[in-house]
């Protein structure tokens, strides 16, 4: 996490560790940050504590806030501190302070990868479509110029466009995401759904089976893939295979 400090994907892997392993690692980190001056250590632990208990049933979020306050004193001009402080504030339902933290992070000259994340978080939480669109556009423009564009924020923009029924723009963006990373599982699933809508069943089946092999236990991806495959195998007159996937959907 210290190498990819602001990566939600890397943090998600960390949070998916078995509970006993995660507890041991958190205890170890507490010992390390007790008297540390390492801002990245403070941010990493604060992120985990805040995201481990977003419903605030423990003291984790309060400890996270205290750690980020220490980080801010040590490095008041570090954009990662302000960005992660804003992430924490979203769980506290303090939108004005959240947006202020993210705007401050943008003013502190973050690198382009962090700019993409900040603009995407702003887009997610703005309450008007025009404001969301503006932030998503800003994120995409920067993302396109990264040495390795990040498909995750671009895919969030795709979902926004799809929800607004701007399908031509959405499909163009989806194709661009798949050019960046052909194995990006959520985008492959969407391509499979589009194939099914065109009744291109071999392509739909190929996409669905790929998602099943690479969903890494993600229940939403698994459900969507099984649903797609049940539909596709029925369409190609393979009811036994269709029933396997339909049974999975019904059991879960």
C-alpha atoms as a PDB file:
ATOM      1  CA  UNK A   1       0.000   0.000   0.000  1.00  0.00           C
ATOM      2  CA  UNK A   2       2.881   2.373   0.634  1.00  0.00           C
ATOM      3  CA  UNK A   3       3.978   2.010  -2.986  1.00  0.00           C
ATOM      4  CA  UNK A   4       0.447   2.574  -4.369  1.00  0.00           C
ATOM      5  CA  UNK A   5      -0.741   4.856  -1.595  1.00  0.00           C
ATOM      6  CA  UNK A   6      -3.910   6.191  -3.226  1.00  0.00           C
ATOM      7  CA  UNK A   7      -4.963   3.039  -5.067  1.00  0.00           C
ATOM      8  CA  UNK A   8      -8.423   1.784  -4.118  1.00  0.00           C
ATOM      9  CA  UNK A   9      -7.686  -1.461  -5.967  1.00  0.00           C
ATOM     10  CA  UNK A  10      -4.561  -2.218  -3.922  1.00  0.00           C
ATOM     11  CA  UNK A  11      -6.324  -1.267  -0.708  1.00  0.00           C
ATOM     12  CA  UNK A  12      -9.186  -3.582  -1.646  1.00  0.00           C
ATOM     13  CA  UNK A  13      -6.762  -6.495  -1.863  1.00  0.00           C
ATOM     14  CA  UNK A  14      -5.398  -5.574   1.569  1.00  0.00           C
ATOM     15  CA  UNK A  15      -8.889  -5.384   3.078  1.00  0.00           C
ATOM     16  CA  UNK A  16      -9.774  -8.775   1.596  1.00  0.00           C
ATOM     17  CA  UNK A  17      -7.130 -10.531   3.698  1.00  0.00           C
ATOM     18  CA  UNK A  18      -8.408 -13.075   6.253  1.00  0.00           C
ATOM     19  CA  UNK A  19      -9.561 -11.320   9.413  1.00  0.00           C
ATOM     20  CA  UNK A  20      -6.819 -12.757  11.613  1.00  0.00           C
ATOM     21  CA  UNK A  21      -4.108 -11.768   9.128  1.00  0.00           C
ATOM     22  CA  UNK A  22      -5.591  -8.293   8.714  1.00  0.00           C
ATOM     23  CA  UNK A  23      -5.821  -7.814  12.495  1.00  0.00           C
ATOM     24  CA  UNK A  24      -2.178  -8.857  12.899  1.00  0.00           C
ATOM     25  CA  UNK A  25      -1.041  -6.462  10.203  1.00  0.00           C
ATOM     26  CA  UNK A  26      -3.068  -3.589  11.637  1.00  0.00           C
ATOM     27  CA  UNK A  27      -1.566  -4.197  15.080  1.00  0.00           C
ATOM     28  CA  UNK A  28       1.899  -4.173  13.533  1.00  0.00           C
ATOM     29  CA  UNK A  29       1.162  -0.920  11.727  1.00  0.00           C
ATOM     30  CA  UNK A  30      -0.093   0.694  14.942  1.00  0.00           C
ATOM     31  CA  UNK A  31       3.234  -0.084  16.562  1.00  0.00           C
ATOM     32  CA  UNK A  32       5.087   1.369  13.593  1.00  0.00           C
ATOM     33  CA  UNK A  33       3.138   4.647  13.444  1.00  0.00           C
ATOM     34  CA  UNK A  34       3.061   5.333  17.192  1.00  0.00           C
ATOM     35  CA  UNK A  35       5.948   7.767  16.947  1.00  0.00           C
ATOM     36  CA  UNK A  36       6.493   7.874  13.212  1.00  0.00           C
ATOM     37  CA  UNK A  37       7.196  10.930  11.109  1.00  0.00           C
ATOM     38  CA  UNK A  38       6.403   8.970   7.943  1.00  0.00           C
ATOM     39  CA  UNK A  39       3.374  10.623   6.361  1.00  0.00           C
ATOM     40  CA  UNK A  40       2.771   7.730   3.976  1.00  0.00           C
ATOM     41  CA  UNK A  41       2.558   5.269   6.879  1.00  0.00           C
ATOM     42  CA  UNK A  42      -0.021   7.493   8.569  1.00  0.00           C
ATOM     43  CA  UNK A  43      -2.112   7.835   5.416  1.00  0.00           C
ATOM     44  CA  UNK A  44      -2.035   4.104   4.646  1.00  0.00           C
ATOM     45  CA  UNK A  45      -3.228   3.120   8.118  1.00  0.00           C
ATOM     46  CA  UNK A  46      -5.864   5.867   8.160  1.00  0.00           C
ATOM     47  CA  UNK A  47      -7.289   4.669   4.840  1.00  0.00           C
ATOM     48  CA  UNK A  48      -7.650   1.110   6.089  1.00  0.00           C
ATOM     49  CA  UNK A  49      -9.228   2.154   9.392  1.00  0.00           C
ATOM     50  CA  UNK A  50     -11.730   4.449   7.673  1.00  0.00           C
ATOM     51  CA  UNK A  51     -12.724   1.948   4.988  1.00  0.00           C
ATOM     52  CA  UNK A  52     -12.777  -1.077   7.271  1.00  0.00           C
ATOM     53  CA  UNK A  53     -15.685   0.389   9.230  1.00  0.00           C
ATOM     54  CA  UNK A  54     -17.543   2.961   7.086  1.00  0.00           C
ATOM     55  CA  UNK A  55     -20.647   2.602   9.285  1.00  0.00           C
ATOM     56  CA  UNK A  56     -18.665   3.846  12.274  1.00  0.00           C
ATOM     57  CA  UNK A  57     -19.454   0.969  14.625  1.00  0.00           C
ATOM     58  CA  UNK A  58     -15.943   1.115  16.080  1.00  0.00           C
ATOM     59  CA  UNK A  59     -13.401   3.812  16.842  1.00  0.00           C
ATOM     60  CA  UNK A  60     -11.665   3.150  13.543  1.00  0.00           C
ATOM     61  CA  UNK A  61     -12.870   6.286  11.740  1.00  0.00           C
ATOM     62  CA  UNK A  62     -11.971   8.479  14.719  1.00  0.00           C
ATOM     63  CA  UNK A  63      -8.495   6.961  14.813  1.00  0.00           C
ATOM     64  CA  UNK A  64      -8.228   7.513  11.061  1.00  0.00           C
ATOM     65  CA  UNK A  65      -9.080  11.179  11.473  1.00  0.00           C
ATOM     66  CA  UNK A  66      -6.467  11.555  14.208  1.00  0.00           C
ATOM     67  CA  UNK A  67      -3.817   9.919  12.016  1.00  0.00           C
ATOM     68  CA  UNK A  68      -4.635  12.190   9.092  1.00  0.00           C
ATOM     69  CA  UNK A  69      -4.521  15.218  11.393  1.00  0.00           C
ATOM     70  CA  UNK A  70      -0.985  14.181  12.377  1.00  0.00           C
ATOM     71  CA  UNK A  71      -0.107  13.732   8.720  1.00  0.00           C
ATOM     72  CA  UNK A  72      -1.416  17.210   7.924  1.00  0.00           C
ATOM     73  CA  UNK A  73       0.772  18.763  10.610  1.00  0.00           C
ATOM     74  CA  UNK A  74       3.814  16.940   9.304  1.00  0.00           C
ATOM     75  CA  UNK A  75       3.117  17.695   5.626  1.00  0.00           C
ATOM     76  CA  UNK A  76       0.550  20.491   5.229  1.00  0.00           C
ATOM     77  CA  UNK A  77       1.302  20.806   1.514  1.00  0.00           C
ATOM     78  CA  UNK A  78       1.041  17.116   0.634  1.00  0.00           C
ATOM     79  CA  UNK A  79      -1.919  16.637  -1.746  1.00  0.00           C
ATOM     80  CA  UNK A  80      -2.297  12.978  -0.719  1.00  0.00           C
ATOM     81  CA  UNK A  81      -3.114  14.063   2.823  1.00  0.00           C
ATOM     82  CA  UNK A  82      -5.908  16.374   1.655  1.00  0.00           C
ATOM     83  CA  UNK A  83      -7.232  13.830  -0.814  1.00  0.00           C
ATOM     84  CA  UNK A  84      -7.460  11.091   1.788  1.00  0.00           C
ATOM     85  CA  UNK A  85      -8.921  13.448   4.349  1.00  0.00           C
ATOM     86  CA  UNK A  86     -11.688  14.134   1.842  1.00  0.00           C
ATOM     87  CA  UNK A  87     -12.206  10.389   1.335  1.00  0.00           C
ATOM     88  CA  UNK A  88     -12.657   9.989   5.055  1.00  0.00           C
ATOM     89  CA  UNK A  89     -15.105  12.887   5.285  1.00  0.00           C
ATOM     90  CA  UNK A  90     -17.448  11.289   2.757  1.00  0.00           C
ATOM     91  CA  UNK A  91     -18.221   8.567   5.314  1.00  0.00           C
ATOM     92  CA  UNK A  92     -19.077  11.294   7.821  1.00  0.00           C
ATOM     93  CA  UNK A  93     -21.613  12.901   5.455  1.00  0.00           C
ATOM     94  CA  UNK A  94     -19.833  16.259   5.454  1.00  0.00           C
ATOM     95  CA  UNK A  95     -19.976  17.207   1.763  1.00  0.00           C
ATOM     96  CA  UNK A  96     -18.813  20.797   2.113  1.00  0.00           C
ATOM     97  CA  UNK A  97     -15.690  19.804   4.045  1.00  0.00           C
ATOM     98  CA  UNK A  98     -15.151  16.845   1.709  1.00  0.00           C
ATOM     99  CA  UNK A  99     -15.176  18.989  -1.435  1.00  0.00           C
ATOM    100  CA  UNK A 100     -13.018  21.624   0.266  1.00  0.00           C
ATOM    101  CA  UNK A 101     -10.411  18.974   1.051  1.00  0.00           C
ATOM    102  CA  UNK A 102     -10.383  17.764  -2.548  1.00  0.00           C
ATOM    103  CA  UNK A 103     -10.185  21.289  -3.943  1.00  0.00           C
ATOM    104  CA  UNK A 104      -7.252  21.937  -1.609  1.00  0.00           C
ATOM    105  CA  UNK A 105      -5.584  18.751  -2.853  1.00  0.00           C
ATOM    106  CA  UNK A 106      -5.934  19.986  -6.448  1.00  0.00           C
ATOM    107  CA  UNK A 107      -4.367  23.317  -5.482  1.00  0.00           C
ATOM    108  CA  UNK A 108      -1.271  21.544  -4.089  1.00  0.00           C
ATOM    109  CA  UNK A 109      -0.029  20.375  -7.503  1.00  0.00           C
ATOM    110  CA  UNK A 110      -0.707  16.632  -7.246  1.00  0.00           C
ATOM    111  CA  UNK A 111       0.694  14.288  -9.872  1.00  0.00           C
ATOM    112  CA  UNK A 112      -1.563  13.393 -12.770  1.00  0.00           C
ATOM    113  CA  UNK A 113      -2.587  10.007 -11.373  1.00  0.00           C
ATOM    114  CA  UNK A 114      -3.854  11.637  -8.212  1.00  0.00           C
ATOM    115  CA  UNK A 115      -5.596  14.369 -10.199  1.00  0.00           C
ATOM    116  CA  UNK A 116      -7.554  11.672 -12.034  1.00  0.00           C
ATOM    117  CA  UNK A 117      -8.658  10.171  -8.720  1.00  0.00           C
ATOM    118  CA  UNK A 118      -9.638  13.527  -7.231  1.00  0.00           C
ATOM    119  CA  UNK A 119     -11.702  14.620 -10.214  1.00  0.00           C
ATOM    120  CA  UNK A 120     -13.397  11.214 -10.318  1.00  0.00           C
ATOM    121  CA  UNK A 121     -14.300  11.370  -6.619  1.00  0.00           C
ATOM    122  CA  UNK A 122     -15.657  14.887  -7.159  1.00  0.00           C
ATOM    123  CA  UNK A 123     -17.734  13.649 -10.095  1.00  0.00           C
ATOM    124  CA  UNK A 124     -19.171  10.807  -8.026  1.00  0.00           C
ATOM    125  CA  UNK A 125     -20.403  13.129  -5.293  1.00  0.00           C
ATOM    126  CA  UNK A 126     -21.583  16.214  -7.155  1.00  0.00           C
ATOM    127  CA  UNK A 127     -25.362  16.505  -7.124  1.00  0.00           C
ATOM    128  CA  UNK A 128     -25.989  17.910 -10.596  1.00  0.00           C
ATOM    129  CA  UNK A 129     -25.310  16.086 -13.880  1.00  0.00           C
ATOM    130  CA  UNK A 130     -23.504  19.081 -15.383  1.00  0.00           C
ATOM    131  CA  UNK A 131     -21.096  19.278 -12.451  1.00  0.00           C
ATOM    132  CA  UNK A 132     -20.526  15.528 -12.621  1.00  0.00           C
ATOM    133  CA  UNK A 133     -19.918  15.687 -16.367  1.00  0.00           C
ATOM    134  CA  UNK A 134     -17.389  18.490 -15.972  1.00  0.00           C
ATOM    135  CA  UNK A 135     -15.376  16.579 -13.368  1.00  0.00           C
ATOM    136  CA  UNK A 136     -15.509  13.319 -15.324  1.00  0.00           C
ATOM    137  CA  UNK A 137     -14.298  15.119 -18.446  1.00  0.00           C
ATOM    138  CA  UNK A 138     -11.384  16.631 -16.530  1.00  0.00           C
ATOM    139  CA  UNK A 139     -10.418  13.219 -15.161  1.00  0.00           C
ATOM    140  CA  UNK A 140     -10.600  11.559 -18.588  1.00  0.00           C
ATOM    141  CA  UNK A 141      -8.525  14.251 -20.301  1.00  0.00           C
ATOM    142  CA  UNK A 142      -5.702  13.730 -17.800  1.00  0.00           C
ATOM    143  CA  UNK A 143      -6.106   9.952 -17.765  1.00  0.00           C
ATOM    144  CA  UNK A 144      -5.668   9.708 -21.530  1.00  0.00           C
ATOM    145  CA  UNK A 145      -2.224  11.284 -21.265  1.00  0.00           C
ATOM    146  CA  UNK A 146      -0.901   8.992 -18.537  1.00  0.00           C
ATOM    147  CA  UNK A 147       1.794   6.506 -19.615  1.00  0.00           C
ATOM    148  CA  UNK A 148      -0.613   3.767 -18.503  1.00  0.00           C
ATOM    149  CA  UNK A 149      -4.200   5.077 -18.381  1.00  0.00           C
ATOM    150  CA  UNK A 150      -6.259   3.787 -15.470  1.00  0.00           C
ATOM    151  CA  UNK A 151      -9.421   1.983 -16.656  1.00  0.00           C
ATOM    152  CA  UNK A 152     -11.239   2.259 -13.321  1.00  0.00           C
ATOM    153  CA  UNK A 153     -12.086   5.996 -13.284  1.00  0.00           C
ATOM    154  CA  UNK A 154     -12.832   5.929 -17.002  1.00  0.00           C
ATOM    155  CA  UNK A 155     -15.235   3.041 -16.429  1.00  0.00           C
ATOM    156  CA  UNK A 156     -17.045   5.091 -13.793  1.00  0.00           C
ATOM    157  CA  UNK A 157     -17.519   7.775 -16.447  1.00  0.00           C
ATOM    158  CA  UNK A 158     -18.819   5.083 -18.814  1.00  0.00           C
ATOM    159  CA  UNK A 159     -21.429   4.029 -16.240  1.00  0.00           C
ATOM    160  CA  UNK A 160     -22.445   7.681 -15.795  1.00  0.00           C
ATOM    161  CA  UNK A 161     -22.949   8.089 -19.546  1.00  0.00           C
ATOM    162  CA  UNK A 162     -24.846   4.811 -19.749  1.00  0.00           C
ATOM    163  CA  UNK A 163     -27.141   5.868 -16.918  1.00  0.00           C
ATOM    164  CA  UNK A 164     -27.892   9.089 -18.789  1.00  0.00           C
ATOM    165  CA  UNK A 165     -28.673   7.052 -21.941  1.00  0.00           C
ATOM    166  CA  UNK A 166     -25.833   8.721 -23.852  1.00  0.00           C
ATOM    167  CA  UNK A 167     -25.117   5.368 -25.414  1.00  0.00           C
ATOM    168  CA  UNK A 168     -23.017   6.413 -28.397  1.00  0.00           C
ATOM    169  CA  UNK A 169     -20.565   8.253 -26.152  1.00  0.00           C
ATOM    170  CA  UNK A 170     -20.657   5.452 -23.603  1.00  0.00           C
ATOM    171  CA  UNK A 171     -19.845   2.758 -26.167  1.00  0.00           C
ATOM    172  CA  UNK A 172     -17.033   4.839 -27.662  1.00  0.00           C
ATOM    173  CA  UNK A 173     -15.516   5.246 -24.210  1.00  0.00           C
ATOM    174  CA  UNK A 174     -15.906   1.535 -23.477  1.00  0.00           C
ATOM    175  CA  UNK A 175     -13.977   0.685 -26.629  1.00  0.00           C
ATOM    176  CA  UNK A 176     -11.226   3.092 -25.588  1.00  0.00           C
ATOM    177  CA  UNK A 177     -11.002   1.494 -22.127  1.00  0.00           C
ATOM    178  CA  UNK A 178     -10.632  -1.936 -23.701  1.00  0.00           C
ATOM    179  CA  UNK A 179      -7.834  -0.599 -25.896  1.00  0.00           C
ATOM    180  CA  UNK A 180      -6.020   0.512 -22.754  1.00  0.00           C
ATOM    181  CA  UNK A 181      -6.548  -2.774 -20.934  1.00  0.00           C
ATOM    182  CA  UNK A 182      -8.207  -5.569 -22.953  1.00  0.00           C
ATOM    183  CA  UNK A 183      -8.400  -7.795 -19.859  1.00  0.00           C
ATOM    184  CA  UNK A 184     -10.256  -5.250 -17.674  1.00  0.00           C
ATOM    185  CA  UNK A 185     -13.017  -7.461 -16.332  1.00  0.00           C
ATOM    186  CA  UNK A 186     -15.888  -4.945 -15.856  1.00  0.00           C
ATOM    187  CA  UNK A 187     -15.394  -3.663 -19.399  1.00  0.00           C
ATOM    188  CA  UNK A 188     -15.273  -7.202 -20.821  1.00  0.00           C
ATOM    189  CA  UNK A 189     -18.586  -7.885 -19.073  1.00  0.00           C
ATOM    190  CA  UNK A 190     -20.122  -4.778 -20.623  1.00  0.00           C
ATOM    191  CA  UNK A 191     -18.855  -5.836 -24.043  1.00  0.00           C
ATOM    192  CA  UNK A 192     -20.537  -9.199 -23.474  1.00  0.00           C
ATOM    193  CA  UNK A 193     -23.822  -7.517 -22.629  1.00  0.00           C
ATOM    194  CA  UNK A 194     -23.621  -5.414 -25.780  1.00  0.00           C
ATOM    195  CA  UNK A 195     -22.899  -8.558 -27.786  1.00  0.00           C
ATOM    196  CA  UNK A 196     -25.996 -10.189 -26.297  1.00  0.00           C
ATOM    197  CA  UNK A 197     -28.095  -7.156 -27.225  1.00  0.00           C
ATOM    198  CA  UNK A 198     -26.867  -7.603 -30.817  1.00  0.00           C
ATOM    199  CA  UNK A 199     -27.584 -11.351 -30.533  1.00  0.00           C
ATOM    200  CA  UNK A 200     -23.913 -12.078 -31.098  1.00  0.00           C
ATOM    201  CA  UNK A 201     -24.101 -15.063 -28.788  1.00  0.00           C
ATOM    202  CA  UNK A 202     -20.592 -16.522 -29.326  1.00  0.00           C
ATOM    203  CA  UNK A 203     -19.051 -13.199 -28.302  1.00  0.00           C
ATOM    204  CA  UNK A 204     -21.428 -12.922 -25.342  1.00  0.00           C
ATOM    205  CA  UNK A 205     -20.500 -16.423 -24.183  1.00  0.00           C
ATOM    206  CA  UNK A 206     -16.788 -15.769 -24.585  1.00  0.00           C
ATOM    207  CA  UNK A 207     -17.069 -12.613 -22.476  1.00  0.00           C
ATOM    208  CA  UNK A 208     -19.213 -14.256 -19.805  1.00  0.00           C
ATOM    209  CA  UNK A 209     -16.882 -17.216 -19.419  1.00  0.00           C
ATOM    210  CA  UNK A 210     -13.906 -14.880 -19.212  1.00  0.00           C
ATOM    211  CA  UNK A 211     -15.547 -12.914 -16.412  1.00  0.00           C
ATOM    212  CA  UNK A 212     -16.292 -16.110 -14.479  1.00  0.00           C
ATOM    213  CA  UNK A 213     -12.620 -17.088 -14.664  1.00  0.00           C
ATOM    214  CA  UNK A 214     -11.383 -13.673 -13.573  1.00  0.00           C
ATOM    215  CA  UNK A 215     -14.007 -12.264 -11.184  1.00  0.00           C
ATOM    216  CA  UNK A 216     -11.794 -12.995  -8.140  1.00  0.00           C
ATOM    217  CA  UNK A 217     -14.825 -13.694  -5.983  1.00  0.00           C
ATOM    218  CA  UNK A 218     -16.578 -10.406  -6.789  1.00  0.00           C
ATOM    219  CA  UNK A 219     -20.223 -11.297  -6.217  1.00  0.00           C
ATOM    220  CA  UNK A 220     -21.622  -8.582  -8.499  1.00  0.00           C
ATOM    221  CA  UNK A 221     -19.421  -9.657 -11.403  1.00  0.00           C
ATOM    222  CA  UNK A 222     -20.227 -13.319 -10.819  1.00  0.00           C
ATOM    223  CA  UNK A 223     -23.974 -12.733 -10.733  1.00  0.00           C
ATOM    224  CA  UNK A 224     -23.859 -10.629 -13.883  1.00  0.00           C
ATOM    225  CA  UNK A 225     -21.728 -13.193 -15.721  1.00  0.00           C
ATOM    226  CA  UNK A 226     -23.952 -16.125 -14.759  1.00  0.00           C
ATOM    227  CA  UNK A 227     -27.039 -14.133 -15.799  1.00  0.00           C
ATOM    228  CA  UNK A 228     -25.458 -13.298 -19.153  1.00  0.00           C
ATOM    229  CA  UNK A 229     -24.430 -16.912 -19.750  1.00  0.00           C
ATOM    230  CA  UNK A 230     -27.854 -18.298 -18.827  1.00  0.00           C
ATOM    231  CA  UNK A 231     -29.376 -15.989 -21.436  1.00  0.00           C
ATOM    232  CA  UNK A 232     -26.733 -16.728 -24.064  1.00  0.00           C
ATOM    233  CA  UNK A 233     -26.763 -20.522 -23.714  1.00  0.00           C
ATOM    234  CA  UNK A 234     -30.552 -20.543 -23.919  1.00  0.00           C
ATOM    235  CA  UNK A 235     -30.314 -18.507 -27.112  1.00  0.00           C
ATOM    236  CA  UNK A 236     -27.932 -21.017 -28.730  1.00  0.00           C
ATOM    237  CA  UNK A 237     -30.127 -23.938 -27.666  1.00  0.00           C
ATOM    238  CA  UNK A 238     -27.872 -25.331 -24.967  1.00  0.00           C
ATOM    239  CA  UNK A 239     -30.418 -25.576 -22.125  1.00  0.00           C
ATOM    240  CA  UNK A 240     -28.287 -27.792 -19.894  1.00  0.00           C
ATOM    241  CA  UNK A 241     -25.515 -25.202 -19.753  1.00  0.00           C
ATOM    242  CA  UNK A 242     -28.064 -22.424 -19.357  1.00  0.00           C
ATOM    243  CA  UNK A 243     -29.614 -24.231 -16.389  1.00  0.00           C
ATOM    244  CA  UNK A 244     -26.252 -24.478 -14.619  1.00  0.00           C
ATOM    245  CA  UNK A 245     -25.897 -20.701 -14.681  1.00  0.00           C
ATOM    246  CA  UNK A 246     -29.557 -20.031 -13.884  1.00  0.00           C
ATOM    247  CA  UNK A 247     -29.304 -22.356 -10.884  1.00  0.00           C
ATOM    248  CA  UNK A 248     -26.300 -20.408  -9.619  1.00  0.00           C
ATOM    249  CA  UNK A 249     -28.223 -17.139  -9.887  1.00  0.00           C
ATOM    250  CA  UNK A 250     -31.186 -18.586  -8.011  1.00  0.00           C
ATOM    251  CA  UNK A 251     -28.954 -20.033  -5.299  1.00  0.00           C
ATOM    252  CA  UNK A 252     -27.211 -16.743  -4.713  1.00  0.00           C
END
